[in-house]
Amino acid sequence: MKRRWMKARRVAVRLFVAYSVAYTLTGLLFDHWGTQYAGLSEAACDPIPVRADSQEELEQRLAEEFVPTLVFSVGEPTDLTEEVVVPYQLVRDPEDSGRYVWRAAVAYALDYGASASSVRIGFGAEGRSFSFSKPVVRLIGLVFGLADLDAHFGDVEMFEIYLAPAETDGYWGIDRLVLFPHGKAKMYTNGDIRCFRDSPVLYVSRGKHAMYPSLQECNHTSVAQGRGLHLIAEHCSVGTLYYPTVSAEFDVGDSANPVNIFATSPAILSGEVFQDEDAWGDCFWGGYGDEESRKEKSCRARFRWW
C-alpha cells in the first residue's frame, strides 16, 4: 500500500512539474490564450454640442471633440510614445460643403508583419486566437530579419470621420466613417460606429495596425482571406487607449496650404524616428534613414491628403 502511495505521489509531482513548465513556456511564447473579445463600455455615437463664435474656432472644436479612441492590443510591440506620430487635417467635405472630414494618418516606424499576426481557429461566430508574446515578436524579427516575416519600415493607416450638423441647432454628429485596413477602403454608417465617452472607438490590430470599428470585426478578419483555420489573422484586444493630439504642431493643413509637420514639429525634430520625412511627398519611409539609404528600398506606405 505504501509503495503504491509513493508511486502515485511521484507521478503526481511529475505531472505537476510538466504542467508548470508547459504553462510557463506558453505564457512566455503566447499572449494567452483564447480571446473572449470583450470590448470597452461602448454606446451609440449621439450628436454632441459644439459651440463656437467663429469658423476657426468651430474647426478647432470639431477636431478636439471628435478625436477617436485608438485601442491598442495587449502586447502591441510598437513603442507608442516613441514610434507613433499622427498627422491630421480637418477639411470641408469636397462632396458636401456642410460637412467636415476629420482625417488622420497614424504613422509607425515599423509594421511587424506575420510575426505579430495571430493563429485563429474559427467555429461560426466564435473563435480562438493564439498570438506570440511581445518579446517573441521582437526576437523573431531580430533572428530572421524583416523581409522573411513580411515586416517593413514605414507603416501608415488612415481614417476619415465625416462630421455633419445635427437637427438640433449647435449639435454635431458622426455621419460616416471610412477606414483603410491594409490600404483597402471600407465605409461605415453611423449605426456601425460605437463611442466610448463620446469618442469614436477604433481597434488597432496588433503589430499590423489596421483599424476596425469593433473587436469582433478585427478578430474575424485575416490578412490572407480564408475560412476555418487562419494562419495570418488580425488580433485585437483592449490594451492601451491612445488619443491622437490635435495640437497645431501635427496639423498638415490642406492642399492649398500644405504643412510638412516632419520638418516643422519640435516634438518630431527632437527625436530620430521620422526625420527627413515629407507628409505631402510621394512616399512615407517610416524611419528608413536619409535619401542615400533609401535608393534600394521600395516605398511601402503613402499619405493621401486633400
Protein backbone atom coordinates (compact mmCIF):
# COMPACT_ATOMS: atom_id res chain seq x y z
CA MET A 1 0.00 0.00 0.00
CA LYS A 2 2.83 2.36 0.95
CA ARG A 3 4.66 1.55 -2.29
CA ARG A 4 1.57 2.40 -4.35
CA TRP A 5 1.18 5.66 -2.48
CA MET A 6 4.81 6.61 -3.11
CA LYS A 7 4.46 5.77 -6.81
CA ALA A 8 1.24 7.79 -7.11
CA ARG A 9 2.89 10.75 -5.39
CA ARG A 10 5.88 10.63 -7.78
CA VAL A 11 3.52 10.55 -10.77
CA ALA A 12 1.55 13.48 -9.37
CA VAL A 13 4.71 15.51 -8.78
CA ARG A 14 5.94 14.82 -12.33
CA LEU A 15 2.60 15.78 -13.82
CA PHE A 16 2.58 19.00 -11.80
CA VAL A 17 6.12 19.87 -12.88
CA ALA A 18 5.31 19.09 -16.53
CA TYR A 19 2.17 21.23 -16.35
CA SER A 20 4.07 24.10 -14.71
CA VAL A 21 6.81 24.01 -17.34
CA ALA A 22 4.30 23.85 -20.20
CA TYR A 23 2.22 26.69 -18.73
CA THR A 24 5.30 28.86 -18.19
CA LEU A 25 6.58 28.26 -21.71
CA THR A 26 3.23 29.02 -23.32
CA GLY A 27 2.91 32.07 -21.12
CA LEU A 28 6.26 33.33 -22.42
CA LEU A 29 5.58 32.41 -26.03
CA PHE A 30 1.94 33.34 -26.43
CA ASP A 31 -0.36 36.13 -25.38
CA HIS A 32 -2.72 33.96 -23.53
CA TRP A 33 -4.93 32.02 -24.94
CA GLY A 34 -8.48 32.06 -26.25
CA THR A 35 -9.69 35.64 -26.58
CA GLN A 36 -13.21 36.48 -25.41
CA TYR A 37 -13.22 39.72 -27.47
CA ALA A 38 -14.64 41.83 -24.62
CA GLY A 39 -14.57 45.49 -25.64
CA LEU A 40 -14.97 48.78 -23.83
CA SER A 41 -18.20 50.12 -22.39
CA GLU A 42 -19.36 51.35 -25.78
CA ALA A 43 -22.51 53.26 -26.70
CA ALA A 44 -24.11 54.76 -29.79
CA CYS A 45 -22.39 57.87 -31.12
CA ASP A 46 -25.04 60.53 -30.46
CA PRO A 47 -24.69 64.17 -31.61
CA ILE A 48 -22.92 66.44 -29.11
CA PRO A 49 -22.99 70.26 -28.63
CA VAL A 50 -20.14 72.12 -30.31
CA ARG A 51 -20.29 75.85 -29.55
CA ALA A 52 -18.09 78.32 -31.43
CA ASP A 53 -18.07 82.06 -32.25
CA SER A 54 -16.06 81.82 -35.47
CA GLN A 55 -15.26 79.43 -38.29
CA GLU A 56 -11.73 78.92 -36.99
CA GLU A 57 -12.99 78.16 -33.50
CA LEU A 58 -15.61 75.75 -34.87
CA GLU A 59 -12.98 73.79 -36.79
CA GLN A 60 -10.71 73.58 -33.76
CA ARG A 61 -13.59 72.48 -31.52
CA LEU A 62 -14.69 69.80 -34.00
CA ALA A 63 -11.15 68.45 -34.11
CA GLU A 64 -10.98 68.37 -30.31
CA GLU A 65 -14.44 66.90 -29.67
CA PHE A 66 -14.25 64.06 -32.20
CA VAL A 67 -10.74 62.75 -31.56
CA PRO A 68 -11.08 58.95 -31.82
CA THR A 69 -10.02 56.49 -29.16
CA LEU A 70 -7.39 54.21 -30.69
CA VAL A 71 -7.45 50.94 -28.76
CA PHE A 72 -4.14 49.09 -28.99
CA SER A 73 -3.92 45.42 -28.13
CA VAL A 74 -2.22 43.84 -25.17
CA GLY A 75 1.38 43.14 -26.19
CA GLU A 76 1.48 45.70 -29.03
CA PRO A 77 5.20 45.66 -29.97
CA THR A 78 5.32 49.31 -31.05
CA ASP A 79 6.53 51.86 -28.51
CA LEU A 80 3.57 54.24 -28.71
CA THR A 81 5.40 57.13 -27.05
CA GLU A 82 8.47 56.96 -29.29
CA GLU A 83 7.42 55.38 -32.61
CA VAL A 84 3.98 56.81 -33.45
CA VAL A 85 3.07 60.16 -34.99
CA VAL A 86 -0.46 61.13 -36.05
CA PRO A 87 -0.57 63.87 -38.73
CA TYR A 88 -4.13 65.10 -39.19
CA GLN A 89 -6.29 67.59 -41.02
CA LEU A 90 -9.84 68.86 -40.63
CA VAL A 91 -11.21 69.96 -44.02
CA ARG A 92 -14.57 70.55 -45.66
CA ASP A 93 -16.02 67.56 -47.46
CA PRO A 94 -15.47 68.20 -51.19
CA GLU A 95 -18.79 66.45 -51.91
CA ASP A 96 -20.83 68.30 -49.26
CA SER A 97 -19.73 71.76 -48.09
CA GLY A 98 -21.90 71.43 -44.98
CA ARG A 99 -19.81 68.54 -43.65
CA TYR A 100 -16.29 68.39 -42.30
CA VAL A 101 -13.90 65.48 -42.51
CA TRP A 102 -11.51 64.70 -39.63
CA ARG A 103 -8.69 62.80 -41.37
CA ALA A 104 -5.53 61.33 -39.92
CA ALA A 105 -2.64 59.09 -40.90
CA VAL A 106 -1.37 57.04 -37.97
CA ALA A 107 2.32 56.66 -38.85
CA TYR A 108 4.51 53.88 -37.43
CA ALA A 109 8.21 53.30 -37.86
CA LEU A 110 7.63 49.58 -38.37
CA ASP A 111 4.98 47.08 -39.42
CA TYR A 112 5.81 43.84 -37.61
CA GLY A 113 4.40 41.62 -40.34
CA ALA A 114 3.50 37.97 -39.91
CA SER A 115 5.27 37.65 -36.56
CA ALA A 116 2.62 39.88 -34.95
CA SER A 117 -0.29 38.05 -36.55
CA SER A 118 -2.46 35.51 -34.78
CA VAL A 119 -3.33 31.94 -35.47
CA ARG A 120 -7.09 31.67 -35.14
CA ILE A 121 -9.40 28.70 -35.38
CA GLY A 122 -12.93 29.84 -36.09
CA PHE A 123 -16.18 28.00 -35.46
CA GLY A 124 -19.00 30.10 -36.84
CA ALA A 125 -19.18 33.36 -34.88
CA GLU A 126 -16.84 32.04 -32.20
CA GLY A 127 -13.11 31.56 -32.36
CA ARG A 128 -9.87 31.06 -30.52
CA SER A 129 -6.79 33.21 -31.15
CA PHE A 130 -3.17 32.46 -30.35
CA SER A 131 -0.61 35.24 -30.64
CA PHE A 132 3.10 35.36 -29.96
CA SER A 133 4.10 37.46 -26.96
CA LYS A 134 5.79 40.83 -27.42
CA PRO A 135 9.35 39.60 -26.59
CA VAL A 136 8.96 36.71 -29.04
CA VAL A 137 7.76 39.05 -31.81
CA ARG A 138 10.85 41.21 -31.43
CA LEU A 139 13.15 38.17 -31.15
CA ILE A 140 11.78 36.60 -34.35
CA GLY A 141 12.31 39.85 -36.20
CA LEU A 142 15.87 40.06 -34.90
CA VAL A 143 16.76 36.47 -35.80
CA PHE A 144 15.09 36.12 -39.19
CA GLY A 145 15.12 39.71 -40.39
CA LEU A 146 12.22 41.81 -41.62
CA ALA A 147 11.83 40.51 -45.16
CA ASP A 148 11.20 36.92 -44.12
CA LEU A 149 8.30 38.00 -41.91
CA ASP A 150 6.64 40.41 -44.36
CA ALA A 151 7.52 43.21 -41.97
CA HIS A 152 8.61 46.57 -43.33
CA PHE A 153 9.67 50.04 -42.33
CA GLY A 154 7.13 52.79 -42.77
CA ASP A 155 3.54 51.84 -41.91
CA VAL A 156 0.61 54.23 -42.39
CA GLU A 157 -3.05 53.51 -41.63
CA MET A 158 -5.53 56.29 -42.36
CA PHE A 159 -9.06 57.03 -41.22
CA GLU A 160 -11.73 59.58 -42.11
CA ILE A 161 -14.53 60.68 -39.76
CA TYR A 162 -17.27 62.64 -41.53
CA LEU A 163 -18.96 65.23 -39.28
CA ALA A 164 -22.32 66.83 -40.03
CA PRO A 165 -24.59 69.29 -38.17
CA ALA A 166 -27.47 67.58 -36.37
CA GLU A 167 -31.13 68.60 -36.41
CA THR A 168 -30.69 70.31 -33.04
CA ASP A 169 -29.00 73.67 -33.51
CA GLY A 170 -25.40 73.73 -32.33
CA TYR A 171 -25.05 69.93 -32.27
CA TRP A 172 -22.75 67.89 -34.49
CA GLY A 173 -22.60 64.16 -35.07
CA ILE A 174 -20.69 61.48 -36.95
CA ASP A 175 -22.25 60.91 -40.36
CA ARG A 176 -19.95 58.13 -41.53
CA LEU A 177 -16.53 56.58 -41.06
CA VAL A 178 -14.06 55.40 -43.69
CA LEU A 179 -11.18 53.10 -42.75
CA PHE A 180 -8.38 51.75 -44.97
CA PRO A 181 -7.25 48.43 -43.44
CA HIS A 182 -4.07 47.48 -45.29
CA GLY A 183 -4.93 50.03 -47.97
CA LYS A 184 -8.46 48.86 -48.82
CA ALA A 185 -11.17 51.46 -48.20
CA LYS A 186 -14.25 50.43 -46.23
CA MET A 187 -17.13 52.73 -45.31
CA TYR A 188 -19.33 52.53 -42.20
CA THR A 189 -22.56 54.38 -41.47
CA ASN A 190 -23.39 55.98 -38.13
CA GLY A 191 -25.14 52.82 -36.95
CA ASP A 192 -21.91 50.83 -37.38
CA ILE A 193 -19.85 53.19 -35.22
CA ARG A 194 -19.57 52.96 -31.45
CA CYS A 195 -18.28 55.56 -29.00
CA PHE A 196 -16.51 55.47 -25.64
CA ARG A 197 -17.08 58.64 -23.59
CA ASP A 198 -18.36 60.38 -26.75
CA SER A 199 -15.19 59.42 -28.65
CA PRO A 200 -15.46 57.07 -31.67
CA VAL A 201 -13.65 53.79 -30.96
CA LEU A 202 -11.15 52.32 -33.43
CA TYR A 203 -9.49 48.99 -32.60
CA VAL A 204 -5.91 48.66 -33.88
CA SER A 205 -4.70 45.21 -34.96
CA ARG A 206 -1.65 44.05 -33.06
CA GLY A 207 1.62 44.84 -34.84
CA LYS A 208 -0.13 45.21 -38.24
CA HIS A 209 -2.03 48.41 -37.29
CA ALA A 210 -5.12 48.14 -39.46
CA MET A 211 -8.12 49.77 -37.73
CA TYR A 212 -11.62 48.38 -37.22
CA PRO A 213 -14.79 49.76 -35.57
CA SER A 214 -15.29 46.65 -33.42
CA LEU A 215 -13.31 43.87 -31.77
CA GLN A 216 -15.47 41.29 -33.50
CA GLU A 217 -14.67 42.56 -36.99
CA CYS A 218 -10.95 42.77 -36.27
CA ASN A 219 -10.80 39.30 -34.75
CA HIS A 220 -12.71 37.70 -37.60
CA THR A 221 -10.51 39.22 -40.29
CA SER A 222 -7.43 37.71 -41.88
CA VAL A 223 -4.68 39.44 -43.78
CA ALA A 224 -4.85 36.41 -46.08
CA GLN A 225 -8.53 35.70 -46.54
CA GLY A 226 -9.80 32.22 -45.79
CA ARG A 227 -12.27 30.20 -43.75
CA GLY A 228 -11.71 27.96 -40.77
CA LEU A 229 -8.04 27.98 -39.82
CA HIS A 230 -6.46 31.43 -40.24
CA LEU A 231 -2.69 31.38 -40.07
CA ILE A 232 -2.28 35.13 -40.65
CA ALA A 233 -5.20 36.54 -38.68
CA GLU A 234 -5.71 40.01 -37.25
CA HIS A 235 -5.75 40.26 -33.48
CA CYS A 236 -7.33 42.99 -31.34
CA SER A 237 -7.81 43.25 -27.61
CA VAL A 238 -8.17 46.05 -25.07
CA GLY A 239 -4.71 47.16 -24.01
CA THR A 240 -3.60 50.81 -24.21
CA LEU A 241 -6.01 53.64 -25.08
CA TYR A 242 -4.30 56.23 -27.29
CA TYR A 243 -5.75 59.64 -28.14
CA PRO A 244 -4.17 61.47 -31.12
CA THR A 245 -3.20 65.03 -30.30
CA VAL A 246 -4.95 67.90 -32.09
CA SER A 247 -2.13 70.33 -31.45
CA ALA A 248 -1.42 72.64 -34.40
CA GLU A 249 2.04 71.03 -34.34
CA PHE A 250 0.57 67.96 -36.07
CA ASP A 251 -1.92 69.69 -38.40
CA VAL A 252 -0.78 69.21 -42.01
CA GLY A 253 -3.21 71.83 -43.36
CA ASP A 254 -4.74 71.25 -46.80
CA SER A 255 -3.64 71.16 -50.42
CA ALA A 256 -3.93 74.96 -50.66
CA ASN A 257 -1.78 75.45 -47.55
CA PRO A 258 0.27 72.26 -47.02
CA VAL A 259 2.45 71.89 -43.93
CA ASN A 260 5.16 69.25 -43.68
CA ILE A 261 4.97 68.58 -39.94
CA PHE A 262 8.02 66.30 -40.16
CA ALA A 263 10.07 69.43 -40.83
CA THR A 264 8.21 71.84 -38.52
CA SER A 265 7.20 69.86 -35.43
CA PRO A 266 9.57 70.37 -32.46
CA ALA A 267 8.48 67.02 -30.99
CA ILE A 268 9.38 65.14 -34.18
CA LEU A 269 12.63 67.03 -34.74
CA SER A 270 13.76 66.25 -31.20
CA GLY A 271 13.62 62.52 -31.94
CA GLU A 272 15.21 60.32 -34.58
CA VAL A 273 12.40 58.10 -35.91
CA PHE A 274 10.75 60.27 -38.57
CA GLN A 275 13.43 62.73 -39.60
CA ASP A 276 13.66 63.63 -43.31
CA GLU A 277 10.08 62.51 -43.99
CA ASP A 278 7.65 64.56 -46.08
CA ALA A 279 3.96 64.44 -45.17
CA TRP A 280 2.98 65.69 -48.64
CA GLY A 281 5.57 63.67 -50.54
CA ASP A 282 5.11 60.61 -52.71
CA CYS A 283 6.32 58.16 -50.07
CA PHE A 284 6.44 57.69 -46.32
CA TRP A 285 9.64 55.86 -45.37
CA GLY A 286 8.96 55.46 -41.67
CA GLY A 287 12.47 55.95 -40.37
CA TYR A 288 14.38 54.37 -43.26
CA GLY A 289 17.11 56.95 -42.92
CA ASP A 290 18.49 59.53 -45.34
CA GLU A 291 17.91 59.68 -49.08
CA GLU A 292 21.07 57.73 -49.89
CA SER A 293 20.00 54.70 -47.83
CA ARG A 294 16.55 54.65 -49.49
CA LYS A 295 17.70 54.18 -53.08
CA GLU A 296 17.49 50.40 -52.95
CA LYS A 297 14.29 50.31 -50.86
CA SER A 298 10.73 50.20 -52.14
CA CYS A 299 8.06 52.52 -50.82
CA ARG A 300 5.52 50.56 -48.76
CA ALA A 301 3.27 53.37 -47.48
CA ARG A 302 1.86 56.67 -48.73
CA PHE A 303 -0.14 59.61 -47.44
CA ARG A 304 -3.28 60.80 -49.22
CA TRP A 305 -4.05 64.35 -48.16
CA TRP A 306 -6.69 66.67 -49.63
